[in-house]
Amino acid sequence: MKNDLVKYLGDLLLNQDDGLLSKLRIGEGLDKSKVDEICSILTQLAIEWENDDKISKEAVDYFIHIDPVMNATLSRYSEKQQAEIIIALDTIMDKVRNCL
């Protein structure tokens, strides 16, 4: 199940048609429902990994892209949208830290 969740997380983040990071990169804005879904998956992964000594390399590969990509897209958006993206980023990264 962990591998399925990690793959789904990757799809939510990077799918070329509707992944959160992909949409931000091309200027389509923040998909708040996608943020909620990502946070839900991260919460599930944190529970599953709670007693593990390590997490999957694939998950780490996804984790390391979230912050730089979301920050790099900020200049494309209005101040209000930037604030929403930063709040979403903080929320996601809090969930990522719970996984580690």
PDB file of N, CA and C in Angstrom:
ATOM      1  N   MET A   1       0.810  -1.197   0.000  1.00  0.00           N
ATOM      2  CA  MET A   1       0.000   0.000   0.000  1.00  0.00           C
ATOM      3  C   MET A   1       0.859   1.269   0.000  1.00  0.00           C
ATOM      4  N   LYS A   2       1.991   1.246   0.710  1.00  0.00           N
ATOM      5  CA  LYS A   2       2.866   2.416   0.758  1.00  0.00           C
ATOM      6  C   LYS A   2       3.290   2.834  -0.646  1.00  0.00           C
ATOM      7  N   ASN A   3       3.694   1.839  -1.452  1.00  0.00           N
ATOM      8  CA  ASN A   3       4.151   2.154  -2.805  1.00  0.00           C
ATOM      9  C   ASN A   3       3.040   2.778  -3.634  1.00  0.00           C
ATOM     10  N   ASP A   4       1.811   2.282  -3.466  1.00  0.00           N
ATOM     11  CA  ASP A   4       0.679   2.856  -4.191  1.00  0.00           C
ATOM     12  C   ASP A   4       0.450   4.304  -3.775  1.00  0.00           C
ATOM     13  N   LEU A   5       0.548   4.571  -2.477  1.00  0.00           N
ATOM     14  CA  LEU A   5       0.364   5.939  -1.988  1.00  0.00           C
ATOM     15  C   LEU A   5       1.463   6.862  -2.505  1.00  0.00           C
ATOM     16  N   VAL A   6       2.689   6.373  -2.537  1.00  0.00           N
ATOM     17  CA  VAL A   6       3.808   7.185  -3.023  1.00  0.00           C
ATOM     18  C   VAL A   6       3.620   7.488  -4.508  1.00  0.00           C
ATOM     19  N   LYS A   7       3.219   6.498  -5.277  1.00  0.00           N
ATOM     20  CA  LYS A   7       2.983   6.723  -6.707  1.00  0.00           C
ATOM     21  C   LYS A   7       1.839   7.716  -6.916  1.00  0.00           C
ATOM     22  N   TYR A   8       0.799   7.586  -6.113  1.00  0.00           N
ATOM     23  CA  TYR A   8      -0.330   8.508  -6.204  1.00  0.00           C
ATOM     24  C   TYR A   8       0.101   9.925  -5.827  1.00  0.00           C
ATOM     25  N   LEU A   9       0.937  10.043  -4.802  1.00  0.00           N
ATOM     26  CA  LEU A   9       1.478  11.341  -4.414  1.00  0.00           C
ATOM     27  C   LEU A   9       2.234  11.961  -5.587  1.00  0.00           C
ATOM     28  N   GLY A  10       3.072  11.167  -6.233  1.00  0.00           N
ATOM     29  CA  GLY A  10       3.820  11.655  -7.391  1.00  0.00           C
ATOM     30  C   GLY A  10       2.903  12.149  -8.493  1.00  0.00           C
ATOM     31  N   ASP A  11       1.821  11.418  -8.717  1.00  0.00           N
ATOM     32  CA  ASP A  11       0.856  11.817  -9.735  1.00  0.00           C
ATOM     33  C   ASP A  11       0.171  13.130  -9.347  1.00  0.00           C
ATOM     34  N   LEU A  12      -0.200  13.256  -8.076  1.00  0.00           N
ATOM     35  CA  LEU A  12      -0.843  14.492  -7.613  1.00  0.00           C
ATOM     36  C   LEU A  12       0.079  15.700  -7.760  1.00  0.00           C
ATOM     37  N   LEU A  13       1.363  15.484  -7.589  1.00  0.00           N
ATOM     38  CA  LEU A  13       2.327  16.576  -7.679  1.00  0.00           C
ATOM     39  C   LEU A  13       2.764  16.874  -9.109  1.00  0.00           C
ATOM     40  N   LEU A  14       3.049  15.823  -9.882  1.00  0.00           N
ATOM     41  CA  LEU A  14       3.790  16.014 -11.128  1.00  0.00           C
ATOM     42  C   LEU A  14       3.074  15.634 -12.410  1.00  0.00           C
ATOM     43  N   ASN A  15       1.869  15.087 -12.340  1.00  0.00           N
ATOM     44  CA  ASN A  15       1.170  14.717 -13.566  1.00  0.00           C
ATOM     45  C   ASN A  15       1.184  15.902 -14.525  1.00  0.00           C
ATOM     46  N   GLN A  16       1.579  15.652 -15.764  1.00  0.00           N
ATOM     47  CA  GLN A  16       1.762  16.765 -16.696  1.00  0.00           C
ATOM     48  C   GLN A  16       0.465  17.487 -17.041  1.00  0.00           C
ATOM     49  N   ASP A  17      -0.669  16.830 -16.901  1.00  0.00           N
ATOM     50  CA  ASP A  17      -1.939  17.475 -17.227  1.00  0.00           C
ATOM     51  C   ASP A  17      -2.548  18.229 -16.054  1.00  0.00           C
ATOM     52  N   ASP A  18      -2.457  17.646 -14.848  1.00  0.00           N
ATOM     53  CA  ASP A  18      -3.138  18.298 -13.728  1.00  0.00           C
ATOM     54  C   ASP A  18      -2.425  18.176 -12.393  1.00  0.00           C
ATOM     55  N   GLY A  19      -1.134  17.884 -12.403  1.00  0.00           N
ATOM     56  CA  GLY A  19      -0.379  17.832 -11.155  1.00  0.00           C
ATOM     57  C   GLY A  19      -0.248  19.225 -10.547  1.00  0.00           C
ATOM     58  N   LEU A  20      -0.245  19.293  -9.235  1.00  0.00           N
ATOM     59  CA  LEU A  20      -0.166  20.573  -8.533  1.00  0.00           C
ATOM     60  C   LEU A  20       1.021  21.410  -9.006  1.00  0.00           C
ATOM     61  N   LEU A  21       2.200  20.814  -9.025  1.00  0.00           N
ATOM     62  CA  LEU A  21       3.400  21.565  -9.408  1.00  0.00           C
ATOM     63  C   LEU A  21       3.378  21.930 -10.887  1.00  0.00           C
ATOM     64  N   SER A  22       2.868  21.032 -11.711  1.00  0.00           N
ATOM     65  CA  SER A  22       2.778  21.297 -13.153  1.00  0.00           C
ATOM     66  C   SER A  22       1.863  22.477 -13.433  1.00  0.00           C
ATOM     67  N   LYS A  23       0.717  22.513 -12.768  1.00  0.00           N
ATOM     68  CA  LYS A  23      -0.238  23.606 -12.980  1.00  0.00           C
ATOM     69  C   LYS A  23       0.333  24.941 -12.499  1.00  0.00           C
ATOM     70  N   LEU A  24       1.058  24.909 -11.390  1.00  0.00           N
ATOM     71  CA  LEU A  24       1.674  26.144 -10.905  1.00  0.00           C
ATOM     72  C   LEU A  24       2.726  26.647 -11.891  1.00  0.00           C
ATOM     73  N   ARG A  25       3.510  25.726 -12.437  1.00  0.00           N
ATOM     74  CA  ARG A  25       4.575  26.107 -13.373  1.00  0.00           C
ATOM     75  C   ARG A  25       4.028  26.798 -14.618  1.00  0.00           C
ATOM     76  N   ILE A  26       2.894  26.317 -15.112  1.00  0.00           N
ATOM     77  CA  ILE A  26       2.369  26.880 -16.363  1.00  0.00           C
ATOM     78  C   ILE A  26       1.388  28.025 -16.123  1.00  0.00           C
ATOM     79  N   GLY A  27       1.260  28.443 -14.882  1.00  0.00           N
ATOM     80  CA  GLY A  27       0.463  29.616 -14.570  1.00  0.00           C
ATOM     81  C   GLY A  27      -1.025  29.383 -14.405  1.00  0.00           C
ATOM     82  N   GLU A  28      -1.427  28.143 -14.175  1.00  0.00           N
ATOM     83  CA  GLU A  28      -2.849  27.838 -14.013  1.00  0.00           C
ATOM     84  C   GLU A  28      -3.347  28.031 -12.585  1.00  0.00           C
ATOM     85  N   GLY A  29      -2.481  28.392 -11.685  1.00  0.00           N
ATOM     86  CA  GLY A  29      -2.900  28.689 -10.321  1.00  0.00           C
ATOM     87  C   GLY A  29      -2.860  27.501  -9.378  1.00  0.00           C
ATOM     88  N   LEU A  30      -3.232  27.789  -8.143  1.00  0.00           N
ATOM     89  CA  LEU A  30      -3.195  26.805  -7.063  1.00  0.00           C
ATOM     90  C   LEU A  30      -4.491  26.010  -7.039  1.00  0.00           C
ATOM     91  N   ASP A  31      -4.358  24.705  -7.102  1.00  0.00           N
ATOM     92  CA  ASP A  31      -5.516  23.803  -7.008  1.00  0.00           C
ATOM     93  C   ASP A  31      -5.640  23.381  -5.544  1.00  0.00           C
ATOM     94  N   LYS A  32      -6.536  24.052  -4.812  1.00  0.00           N
ATOM     95  CA  LYS A  32      -6.660  23.814  -3.371  1.00  0.00           C
ATOM     96  C   LYS A  32      -7.155  22.409  -3.058  1.00  0.00           C
ATOM     97  N   SER A  33      -7.980  21.843  -3.921  1.00  0.00           N
ATOM     98  CA  SER A  33      -8.440  20.472  -3.680  1.00  0.00           C
ATOM     99  C   SER A  33      -7.280  19.492  -3.820  1.00  0.00           C
ATOM    100  N   LYS A  34      -6.362  19.795  -4.729  1.00  0.00           N
ATOM    101  CA  LYS A  34      -5.166  18.966  -4.901  1.00  0.00           C
ATOM    102  C   LYS A  34      -4.276  19.072  -3.659  1.00  0.00           C
ATOM    103  N   VAL A  35      -4.162  20.272  -3.102  1.00  0.00           N
ATOM    104  CA  VAL A  35      -3.383  20.467  -1.872  1.00  0.00           C
ATOM    105  C   VAL A  35      -3.976  19.619  -0.751  1.00  0.00           C
ATOM    106  N   ASP A  36      -5.298  19.646  -0.612  1.00  0.00           N
ATOM    107  CA  ASP A  36      -5.966  18.850   0.427  1.00  0.00           C
ATOM    108  C   ASP A  36      -5.708  17.361   0.232  1.00  0.00           C
ATOM    109  N   GLU A  37      -5.759  16.918  -1.018  1.00  0.00           N
ATOM    110  CA  GLU A  37      -5.534  15.505  -1.320  1.00  0.00           C
ATOM    111  C   GLU A  37      -4.087  15.110  -1.013  1.00  0.00           C
ATOM    112  N   ILE A  38      -3.150  15.965  -1.375  1.00  0.00           N
ATOM    113  CA  ILE A  38      -1.733  15.714  -1.092  1.00  0.00           C
ATOM    114  C   ILE A  38      -1.513  15.625   0.414  1.00  0.00           C
ATOM    115  N   CYS A  39      -2.102  16.532   1.162  1.00  0.00           N
ATOM    116  CA  CYS A  39      -1.960  16.517   2.625  1.00  0.00           C
ATOM    117  C   CYS A  39      -2.545  15.243   3.222  1.00  0.00           C
ATOM    118  N   SER A  40      -3.640  14.786   2.684  1.00  0.00           N
ATOM    119  CA  SER A  40      -4.256  13.545   3.153  1.00  0.00           C
ATOM    120  C   SER A  40      -3.333  12.349   2.912  1.00  0.00           C
ATOM    121  N   ILE A  41      -2.744  12.284   1.729  1.00  0.00           N
ATOM    122  CA  ILE A  41      -1.813  11.194   1.403  1.00  0.00           C
ATOM    123  C   ILE A  41      -0.592  11.263   2.316  1.00  0.00           C
ATOM    124  N   LEU A  42      -0.060  12.453   2.531  1.00  0.00           N
ATOM    125  CA  LEU A  42       1.110  12.604   3.400  1.00  0.00           C
ATOM    126  C   LEU A  42       0.803  12.186   4.833  1.00  0.00           C
ATOM    127  N   THR A  43      -0.388  12.476   5.308  1.00  0.00           N
ATOM    128  CA  THR A  43      -0.800  12.048   6.648  1.00  0.00           C
ATOM    129  C   THR A  43      -0.836  10.529   6.730  1.00  0.00           C
ATOM    130  N   GLN A  44      -1.370   9.890   5.700  1.00  0.00           N
ATOM    131  CA  GLN A  44      -1.414   8.424   5.668  1.00  0.00           C
ATOM    132  C   GLN A  44      -0.007   7.834   5.636  1.00  0.00           C
ATOM    133  N   LEU A  45       0.861   8.428   4.829  1.00  0.00           N
ATOM    134  CA  LEU A  45       2.237   7.932   4.746  1.00  0.00           C
ATOM    135  C   LEU A  45       2.968   8.110   6.074  1.00  0.00           C
ATOM    136  N   ALA A  46       2.760   9.223   6.749  1.00  0.00           N
ATOM    137  CA  ALA A  46       3.406   9.455   8.050  1.00  0.00           C
ATOM    138  C   ALA A  46       3.010   8.372   9.041  1.00  0.00           C
ATOM    139  N   ILE A  47       1.756   7.981   9.026  1.00  0.00           N
ATOM    140  CA  ILE A  47       1.283   6.920   9.923  1.00  0.00           C
ATOM    141  C   ILE A  47       1.927   5.590   9.552  1.00  0.00           C
ATOM    142  N   GLU A  48       1.975   5.286   8.264  1.00  0.00           N
ATOM    143  CA  GLU A  48       2.559   4.015   7.823  1.00  0.00           C
ATOM    144  C   GLU A  48       4.059   3.944   8.085  1.00  0.00           C
ATOM    145  N   TRP A  49       4.743   5.074   8.011  1.00  0.00           N
ATOM    146  CA  TRP A  49       6.195   5.103   8.186  1.00  0.00           C
ATOM    147  C   TRP A  49       6.614   5.390   9.621  1.00  0.00           C
ATOM    148  N   GLU A  50       5.673   5.544  10.509  1.00  0.00           N
ATOM    149  CA  GLU A  50       5.966   5.966  11.877  1.00  0.00           C
ATOM    150  C   GLU A  50       7.060   5.132  12.546  1.00  0.00           C
ATOM    151  N   ASN A  51       7.042   3.843  12.355  1.00  0.00           N
ATOM    152  CA  ASN A  51       8.015   2.967  13.015  1.00  0.00           C
ATOM    153  C   ASN A  51       9.097   2.447  12.077  1.00  0.00           C
ATOM    154  N   ASP A  52       9.122   2.961  10.857  1.00  0.00           N
ATOM    155  CA  ASP A  52      10.135   2.531   9.893  1.00  0.00           C
ATOM    156  C   ASP A  52      11.425   3.323  10.100  1.00  0.00           C
ATOM    157  N   ASP A  53      12.547   2.682   9.793  1.00  0.00           N
ATOM    158  CA  ASP A  53      13.842   3.351   9.897  1.00  0.00           C
ATOM    159  C   ASP A  53      14.146   4.215   8.680  1.00  0.00           C
ATOM    160  N   LYS A  54      13.464   3.942   7.572  1.00  0.00           N
ATOM    161  CA  LYS A  54      13.713   4.702   6.347  1.00  0.00           C
ATOM    162  C   LYS A  54      12.426   4.791   5.536  1.00  0.00           C
ATOM    163  N   ILE A  55      12.430   5.742   4.608  1.00  0.00           N
ATOM    164  CA  ILE A  55      11.301   5.880   3.694  1.00  0.00           C
ATOM    165  C   ILE A  55      11.816   5.672   2.273  1.00  0.00           C
ATOM    166  N   SER A  56      10.910   5.549   1.337  1.00  0.00           N
ATOM    167  CA  SER A  56      11.318   5.225  -0.031  1.00  0.00           C
ATOM    168  C   SER A  56      12.057   6.389  -0.690  1.00  0.00           C
ATOM    169  N   LYS A  57      13.005   6.035  -1.534  1.00  0.00           N
ATOM    170  CA  LYS A  57      13.758   7.031  -2.292  1.00  0.00           C
ATOM    171  C   LYS A  57      12.822   7.808  -3.210  1.00  0.00           C
ATOM    172  N   GLU A  58      11.847   7.124  -3.759  1.00  0.00           N
ATOM    173  CA  GLU A  58      10.882   7.777  -4.646  1.00  0.00           C
ATOM    174  C   GLU A  58      10.147   8.910  -3.911  1.00  0.00           C
ATOM    175  N   ALA A  59       9.751   8.653  -2.668  1.00  0.00           N
ATOM    176  CA  ALA A  59       9.070   9.686  -1.877  1.00  0.00           C
ATOM    177  C   ALA A  59      10.001  10.870  -1.634  1.00  0.00           C
ATOM    178  N   VAL A  60      11.242  10.587  -1.298  1.00  0.00           N
ATOM    179  CA  VAL A  60      12.215  11.659  -1.059  1.00  0.00           C
ATOM    180  C   VAL A  60      12.396  12.493  -2.324  1.00  0.00           C
ATOM    181  N   ASP A  61      12.445  11.827  -3.478  1.00  0.00           N
ATOM    182  CA  ASP A  61      12.567  12.552  -4.746  1.00  0.00           C
ATOM    183  C   ASP A  61      11.407  13.531  -4.936  1.00  0.00           C
ATOM    184  N   TYR A  62      10.214  13.123  -4.560  1.00  0.00           N
ATOM    185  CA  TYR A  62       9.064  14.028  -4.645  1.00  0.00           C
ATOM    186  C   TYR A  62       9.185  15.151  -3.625  1.00  0.00           C
ATOM    187  N   PHE A  63       9.556  14.798  -2.399  1.00  0.00           N
ATOM    188  CA  PHE A  63       9.632  15.789  -1.318  1.00  0.00           C
ATOM    189  C   PHE A  63      10.589  16.931  -1.655  1.00  0.00           C
ATOM    190  N   ILE A  64      11.732  16.603  -2.245  1.00  0.00           N
ATOM    191  CA  ILE A  64      12.746  17.637  -2.483  1.00  0.00           C
ATOM    192  C   ILE A  64      12.362  18.610  -3.598  1.00  0.00           C
ATOM    193  N   HIS A  65      11.354  18.283  -4.380  1.00  0.00           N
ATOM    194  CA  HIS A  65      10.931  19.179  -5.457  1.00  0.00           C
ATOM    195  C   HIS A  65       9.849  20.169  -5.031  1.00  0.00           C
ATOM    196  N   ILE A  66       9.128  19.861  -3.977  1.00  0.00           N
ATOM    197  CA  ILE A  66       7.957  20.661  -3.622  1.00  0.00           C
ATOM    198  C   ILE A  66       8.323  22.115  -3.330  1.00  0.00           C
ATOM    199  N   ASP A  67       9.223  22.338  -2.383  1.00  0.00           N
ATOM    200  CA  ASP A  67       9.559  23.700  -1.962  1.00  0.00           C
ATOM    201  C   ASP A  67      10.163  24.531  -3.089  1.00  0.00           C
ATOM    202  N   PRO A  68      11.209  24.051  -3.765  1.00  0.00           N
ATOM    203  CA  PRO A  68      11.806  24.908  -4.793  1.00  0.00           C
ATOM    204  C   PRO A  68      10.863  25.214  -5.954  1.00  0.00           C
ATOM    205  N   VAL A  69      10.060  24.250  -6.358  1.00  0.00           N
ATOM    206  CA  VAL A  69       9.155  24.491  -7.483  1.00  0.00           C
ATOM    207  C   VAL A  69       8.072  25.492  -7.094  1.00  0.00           C
ATOM    208  N   MET A  70       7.471  25.295  -5.929  1.00  0.00           N
ATOM    209  CA  MET A  70       6.405  26.216  -5.520  1.00  0.00           C
ATOM    210  C   MET A  70       6.949  27.630  -5.321  1.00  0.00           C
ATOM    211  N   ASN A  71       8.119  27.759  -4.737  1.00  0.00           N
ATOM    212  CA  ASN A  71       8.718  29.087  -4.558  1.00  0.00           C
ATOM    213  C   ASN A  71       9.094  29.728  -5.890  1.00  0.00           C
ATOM    214  N   ALA A  72       9.578  28.919  -6.831  1.00  0.00           N
ATOM    215  CA  ALA A  72       9.991  29.444  -8.133  1.00  0.00           C
ATOM    216  C   ALA A  72       8.814  29.974  -8.946  1.00  0.00           C
ATOM    217  N   THR A  73       7.615  29.504  -8.657  1.00  0.00           N
ATOM    218  CA  THR A  73       6.451  29.938  -9.434  1.00  0.00           C
ATOM    219  C   THR A  73       5.812  31.213  -8.897  1.00  0.00           C
ATOM    220  N   LEU A  74       6.196  31.651  -7.729  1.00  0.00           N
ATOM    221  CA  LEU A  74       5.518  32.769  -7.071  1.00  0.00           C
ATOM    222  C   LEU A  74       5.443  34.029  -7.931  1.00  0.00           C
ATOM    223  N   SER A  75       6.489  34.329  -8.671  1.00  0.00           N
ATOM    224  CA  SER A  75       6.523  35.581  -9.441  1.00  0.00           C
ATOM    225  C   SER A  75       5.461  35.633 -10.535  1.00  0.00           C
ATOM    226  N   ARG A  76       4.874  34.514 -10.868  1.00  0.00           N
ATOM    227  CA  ARG A  76       3.834  34.473 -11.901  1.00  0.00           C
ATOM    228  C   ARG A  76       2.468  34.930 -11.390  1.00  0.00           C
ATOM    229  N   TYR A  77       2.345  35.086 -10.094  1.00  0.00           N
ATOM    230  CA  TYR A  77       1.032  35.285  -9.493  1.00  0.00           C
ATOM    231  C   TYR A  77       0.932  36.606  -8.734  1.00  0.00           C
ATOM    232  N   SER A  78      -0.305  37.038  -8.518  1.00  0.00           N
ATOM    233  CA  SER A  78      -0.573  38.258  -7.747  1.00  0.00           C
ATOM    234  C   SER A  78      -0.163  38.043  -6.287  1.00  0.00           C
ATOM    235  N   GLU A  79      -0.102  39.127  -5.533  1.00  0.00           N
ATOM    236  CA  GLU A  79       0.277  39.020  -4.119  1.00  0.00           C
ATOM    237  C   GLU A  79      -0.677  38.117  -3.350  1.00  0.00           C
ATOM    238  N   LYS A  80      -1.962  38.237  -3.624  1.00  0.00           N
ATOM    239  CA  LYS A  80      -2.953  37.399  -2.941  1.00  0.00           C
ATOM    240  C   LYS A  80      -2.728  35.921  -3.273  1.00  0.00           C
ATOM    241  N   GLN A  81      -2.503  35.631  -4.549  1.00  0.00           N
ATOM    242  CA  GLN A  81      -2.253  34.247  -4.955  1.00  0.00           C
ATOM    243  C   GLN A  81      -0.936  33.741  -4.368  1.00  0.00           C
ATOM    244  N   GLN A  82       0.070  34.611  -4.324  1.00  0.00           N
ATOM    245  CA  GLN A  82       1.349  34.229  -3.723  1.00  0.00           C
ATOM    246  C   GLN A  82       1.153  33.826  -2.269  1.00  0.00           C
ATOM    247  N   ALA A  83       0.362  34.603  -1.544  1.00  0.00           N
ATOM    248  CA  ALA A  83       0.106  34.292  -0.133  1.00  0.00           C
ATOM    249  C   ALA A  83      -0.576  32.933   0.002  1.00  0.00           C
ATOM    250  N   GLU A  84      -1.514  32.639  -0.881  1.00  0.00           N
ATOM    251  CA  GLU A  84      -2.202  31.346  -0.850  1.00  0.00           C
ATOM    252  C   GLU A  84      -1.240  30.202  -1.154  1.00  0.00           C
ATOM    253  N   ILE A  85      -0.349  30.418  -2.113  1.00  0.00           N
ATOM    254  CA  ILE A  85       0.637  29.393  -2.469  1.00  0.00           C
ATOM    255  C   ILE A  85       1.590  29.153  -1.301  1.00  0.00           C
ATOM    256  N   ILE A  86       2.034  30.215  -0.651  1.00  0.00           N
ATOM    257  CA  ILE A  86       2.953  30.079   0.489  1.00  0.00           C
ATOM    258  C   ILE A  86       2.282  29.340   1.640  1.00  0.00           C
ATOM    259  N   ILE A  87       1.026  29.643   1.907  1.00  0.00           N
ATOM    260  CA  ILE A  87       0.295  28.933   2.962  1.00  0.00           C
ATOM    261  C   ILE A  87       0.164  27.454   2.605  1.00  0.00           C
ATOM    262  N   ALA A  88      -0.163  27.169   1.345  1.00  0.00           N
ATOM    263  CA  ALA A  88      -0.272  25.776   0.898  1.00  0.00           C
ATOM    264  C   ALA A  88       1.073  25.069   1.021  1.00  0.00           C
ATOM    265  N   LEU A  89       2.143  25.755   0.633  1.00  0.00           N
ATOM    266  CA  LEU A  89       3.486  25.188   0.738  1.00  0.00           C
ATOM    267  C   LEU A  89       3.825  24.870   2.186  1.00  0.00           C
ATOM    268  N   ASP A  90       3.554  25.795   3.088  1.00  0.00           N
ATOM    269  CA  ASP A  90       3.831  25.564   4.510  1.00  0.00           C
ATOM    270  C   ASP A  90       3.043  24.370   5.038  1.00  0.00           C
ATOM    271  N   THR A  91       1.791  24.276   4.637  1.00  0.00           N
ATOM    272  CA  THR A  91       0.943  23.166   5.075  1.00  0.00           C
ATOM    273  C   THR A  91       1.486  21.836   4.570  1.00  0.00           C
ATOM    274  N   ILE A  92       1.843  21.800   3.288  1.00  0.00           N
ATOM    275  CA  ILE A  92       2.383  20.570   2.702  1.00  0.00           C
ATOM    276  C   ILE A  92       3.702  20.199   3.373  1.00  0.00           C
ATOM    277  N   MET A  93       4.587  21.178   3.562  1.00  0.00           N
ATOM    278  CA  MET A  93       5.895  20.874   4.142  1.00  0.00           C
ATOM    279  C   MET A  93       5.782  20.432   5.600  1.00  0.00           C
ATOM    280  N   ASP A  94       4.801  20.926   6.333  1.00  0.00           N
ATOM    281  CA  ASP A  94       4.556  20.414   7.691  1.00  0.00           C
ATOM    282  C   ASP A  94       4.212  18.934   7.634  1.00  0.00           C
ATOM    283  N   LYS A  95       3.394  18.554   6.661  1.00  0.00           N
ATOM    284  CA  LYS A  95       3.018  17.142   6.494  1.00  0.00           C
ATOM    285  C   LYS A  95       4.228  16.310   6.068  1.00  0.00           C
ATOM    286  N   VAL A  96       5.076  16.871   5.211  1.00  0.00           N
ATOM    287  CA  VAL A  96       6.294  16.166   4.790  1.00  0.00           C
ATOM    288  C   VAL A  96       7.184  15.917   6.002  1.00  0.00           C
ATOM    289  N   ARG A  97       7.369  16.923   6.843  1.00  0.00           N
ATOM    290  CA  ARG A  97       8.213  16.757   8.039  1.00  0.00           C
ATOM    291  C   ARG A  97       7.677  15.662   8.956  1.00  0.00           C
ATOM    292  N   ASN A  98       6.372  15.509   9.006  1.00  0.00           N
ATOM    293  CA  ASN A  98       5.781  14.432   9.811  1.00  0.00           C
ATOM    294  C   ASN A  98       6.114  13.057   9.253  1.00  0.00           C
ATOM    295  N   CYS A  99       6.447  12.999   7.980  1.00  0.00           N
ATOM    296  CA  CYS A  99       6.798  11.721   7.345  1.00  0.00           C
ATOM    297  C   CYS A  99       8.234  11.305   7.659  1.00  0.00           C
ATOM    298  N   LEU A 100       9.054  12.258   8.078  1.00  0.00           N
ATOM    299  CA  LEU A 100      10.489  11.986   8.248  1.00  0.00           C
ATOM    300  C   LEU A 100      10.829  11.572   9.662  1.00  0.00           C
TER     301      LEU A 100
END
